[in-house]
Amino acid sequence: VNDPVDLRAMAQLALAAVAPAAQARSMDVGLLDSDAATVTGNAEAVRMLARNLLDNAIKYSPPGGQVDLQVRREGDHAVLTVEDSGPGIAPEHRERAMQRFVRVTADGAPGSGLGLAIVQAIAQSHGATVALDSSARLGGLRVTVRFAAAKP
């Protein structure tokens, strides 16, 4: 599907979907000041990508933690970033964390290990890249998904 997709709107829908889980864990989850950005693809898949990133961030961050989502326009790219205050993923485990059925956790949090693999698959189908690194601001994981912005 090659429809124009409002990345910020999909991020907002994903945030609304995870709000109950965040509230149950007394977490501060929100959308930082974001740009309007349109990508080409499947709106439902893009929403699922954002939702999986948020689900993971909420699951692996401690109760009372913080998760921030942001959409930025950077030149010819639309960039979706999710940062959390959780334990993060050590650099040597980041590539493995993107594989199916692999969970890289210190605390044995429940899950299938499919979250980041699904994110990676959706990103690839949209010609986007996924990068895992440390969140300088929150101390946990920062996941950056870089899409080609749709041509106006």
Protein backbone atom coordinates (compact mmCIF):
# COMPACT_ATOMS: atom_id res chain seq x y z
CA VAL A 1 0.00 0.00 0.00
CA ASN A 2 1.45 3.36 -0.98
CA ASP A 3 -0.84 5.87 0.65
CA PRO A 4 0.23 9.14 2.24
CA VAL A 5 0.47 8.48 5.99
CA ASP A 6 0.46 11.24 8.61
CA LEU A 7 3.26 10.05 10.88
CA ARG A 8 2.34 12.38 13.74
CA ALA A 9 -1.31 11.25 13.65
CA MET A 10 -0.23 7.58 13.73
CA ALA A 11 2.03 8.38 16.71
CA GLN A 12 -0.90 10.01 18.51
CA LEU A 13 -3.15 6.98 17.85
CA ALA A 14 -0.43 4.65 19.17
CA LEU A 15 -0.05 6.80 22.30
CA ALA A 16 -3.80 6.70 22.93
CA ALA A 17 -3.73 2.90 22.61
CA VAL A 18 -0.99 2.46 25.22
CA ALA A 19 -2.29 5.09 27.66
CA PRO A 20 -4.09 2.54 29.91
CA ALA A 21 -0.94 0.38 30.24
CA ALA A 22 1.14 3.47 31.00
CA GLN A 23 -1.36 4.71 33.59
CA ALA A 24 -1.43 1.29 35.25
CA ARG A 25 2.33 1.61 35.78
CA SER A 26 2.18 5.33 36.78
CA MET A 27 4.31 6.21 33.78
CA ASP A 28 4.69 9.55 32.07
CA VAL A 29 4.15 8.80 28.39
CA GLY A 30 3.72 11.55 25.85
CA LEU A 31 4.37 13.18 22.52
CA LEU A 32 7.13 15.76 22.54
CA ASP A 33 6.88 18.85 20.34
CA SER A 34 6.61 17.25 16.91
CA ASP A 35 6.64 18.23 13.26
CA ALA A 36 3.99 17.41 10.69
CA ALA A 37 5.47 14.65 8.56
CA THR A 38 3.98 12.47 5.84
CA VAL A 39 5.43 9.15 4.73
CA THR A 40 4.30 6.78 2.00
CA GLY A 41 3.01 3.40 3.04
CA ASN A 42 0.35 1.63 5.07
CA ALA A 43 -1.16 3.71 7.87
CA GLU A 44 -2.15 0.68 9.97
CA ALA A 45 1.36 -0.78 9.73
CA VAL A 46 2.97 2.54 10.69
CA ARG A 47 0.61 2.83 13.66
CA MET A 48 1.53 -0.73 14.68
CA LEU A 49 5.24 0.12 14.44
CA ALA A 50 4.78 3.10 16.80
CA ARG A 51 2.58 1.03 19.13
CA ASN A 52 5.15 -1.79 19.37
CA LEU A 53 7.90 0.69 20.22
CA LEU A 54 5.73 2.25 22.92
CA ASP A 55 4.62 -1.15 24.27
CA ASN A 56 8.26 -2.22 24.59
CA ALA A 57 9.31 1.04 26.23
CA ILE A 58 6.48 0.79 28.78
CA LYS A 59 7.11 -2.90 29.46
CA TYR A 60 10.85 -2.52 30.04
CA SER A 61 10.86 0.77 31.94
CA PRO A 62 10.33 0.76 35.70
CA PRO A 63 6.97 1.83 37.14
CA GLY A 64 6.91 5.60 37.42
CA GLY A 65 9.25 5.86 34.45
CA GLN A 66 9.08 8.08 31.41
CA VAL A 67 8.55 7.34 27.71
CA ASP A 68 8.67 10.06 25.07
CA LEU A 69 7.68 9.87 21.43
CA GLN A 70 8.64 12.47 18.87
CA VAL A 71 8.18 13.01 15.14
CA ARG A 72 10.66 15.25 13.36
CA ARG A 73 11.15 16.38 9.81
CA GLU A 74 14.86 16.22 8.93
CA GLY A 75 15.52 17.23 5.33
CA ASP A 76 14.12 14.48 3.09
CA HIS A 77 13.32 12.24 6.07
CA ALA A 78 10.56 11.84 8.61
CA VAL A 79 12.01 10.55 11.87
CA LEU A 80 10.06 8.81 14.65
CA THR A 81 11.92 8.51 17.95
CA VAL A 82 10.89 6.68 21.12
CA GLU A 83 13.01 7.17 24.25
CA ASP A 84 12.55 5.60 27.67
CA SER A 85 13.96 5.65 31.19
CA GLY A 86 14.39 1.87 31.35
CA PRO A 87 17.59 -0.19 31.50
CA GLY A 88 18.27 0.16 27.77
CA ILE A 89 20.00 -2.50 25.69
CA ALA A 90 23.75 -2.90 25.83
CA PRO A 91 25.45 -2.01 22.52
CA GLU A 92 26.63 -5.58 21.95
CA HIS A 93 23.03 -6.89 22.19
CA ARG A 94 21.28 -4.31 20.00
CA GLU A 95 21.59 -6.12 16.68
CA ARG A 96 20.33 -9.38 18.21
CA ALA A 97 17.41 -7.56 19.84
CA MET A 98 15.99 -6.91 16.36
CA GLN A 99 15.68 -10.64 15.60
CA ARG A 100 12.48 -12.62 16.04
CA PHE A 101 11.92 -14.43 19.36
CA VAL A 102 14.96 -12.77 20.95
CA ARG A 103 14.45 -10.84 24.17
CA VAL A 104 17.37 -9.02 25.68
CA THR A 105 16.30 -8.18 29.22
CA ALA A 106 17.92 -8.12 32.58
CA ASP A 107 14.67 -8.55 34.48
CA GLY A 108 12.97 -11.40 32.62
CA ALA A 109 10.03 -9.21 31.61
CA PRO A 110 7.34 -11.23 29.82
CA GLY A 111 6.94 -11.08 26.06
CA SER A 112 7.35 -12.98 22.83
CA GLY A 113 10.48 -11.21 21.65
CA LEU A 114 8.61 -10.13 18.51
CA GLY A 115 8.19 -6.41 19.21
CA LEU A 116 11.42 -5.11 17.70
CA ALA A 117 11.38 -7.77 14.95
CA ILE A 118 7.92 -6.54 13.90
CA VAL A 119 9.15 -2.94 14.03
CA GLN A 120 12.12 -3.90 11.86
CA ALA A 121 9.93 -5.74 9.33
CA ILE A 122 7.45 -2.85 9.05
CA ALA A 123 10.30 -0.35 8.74
CA GLN A 124 11.97 -2.39 6.00
CA SER A 125 8.69 -2.71 4.07
CA HIS A 126 8.50 1.12 4.16
CA GLY A 127 12.13 1.63 3.14
CA ALA A 128 12.89 2.94 6.64
CA THR A 129 15.83 2.20 8.92
CA VAL A 130 15.74 1.39 12.64
CA ALA A 131 18.57 2.37 14.98
CA LEU A 132 18.90 1.47 18.66
CA ASP A 133 21.07 3.57 20.93
CA SER A 134 21.12 5.12 24.38
CA SER A 135 18.83 7.94 25.38
CA ALA A 136 21.07 10.72 26.64
CA ARG A 137 17.98 12.50 27.99
CA LEU A 138 16.17 9.67 29.81
CA GLY A 139 18.95 7.13 30.34
CA GLY A 140 17.24 4.15 28.73
CA LEU A 141 16.85 3.06 25.14
CA ARG A 142 16.34 5.38 22.18
CA VAL A 143 14.86 3.84 19.04
CA THR A 144 14.99 5.97 15.90
CA VAL A 145 13.01 5.03 12.79
CA ARG A 146 14.00 7.07 9.73
CA PHE A 147 11.52 7.13 6.83
CA ALA A 148 11.86 8.85 3.49
CA ALA A 149 9.37 11.72 3.66
CA ALA A 150 6.59 11.61 1.10
CA LYS A 151 7.02 13.98 -1.81
CA PRO A 152 4.48 16.81 -1.62
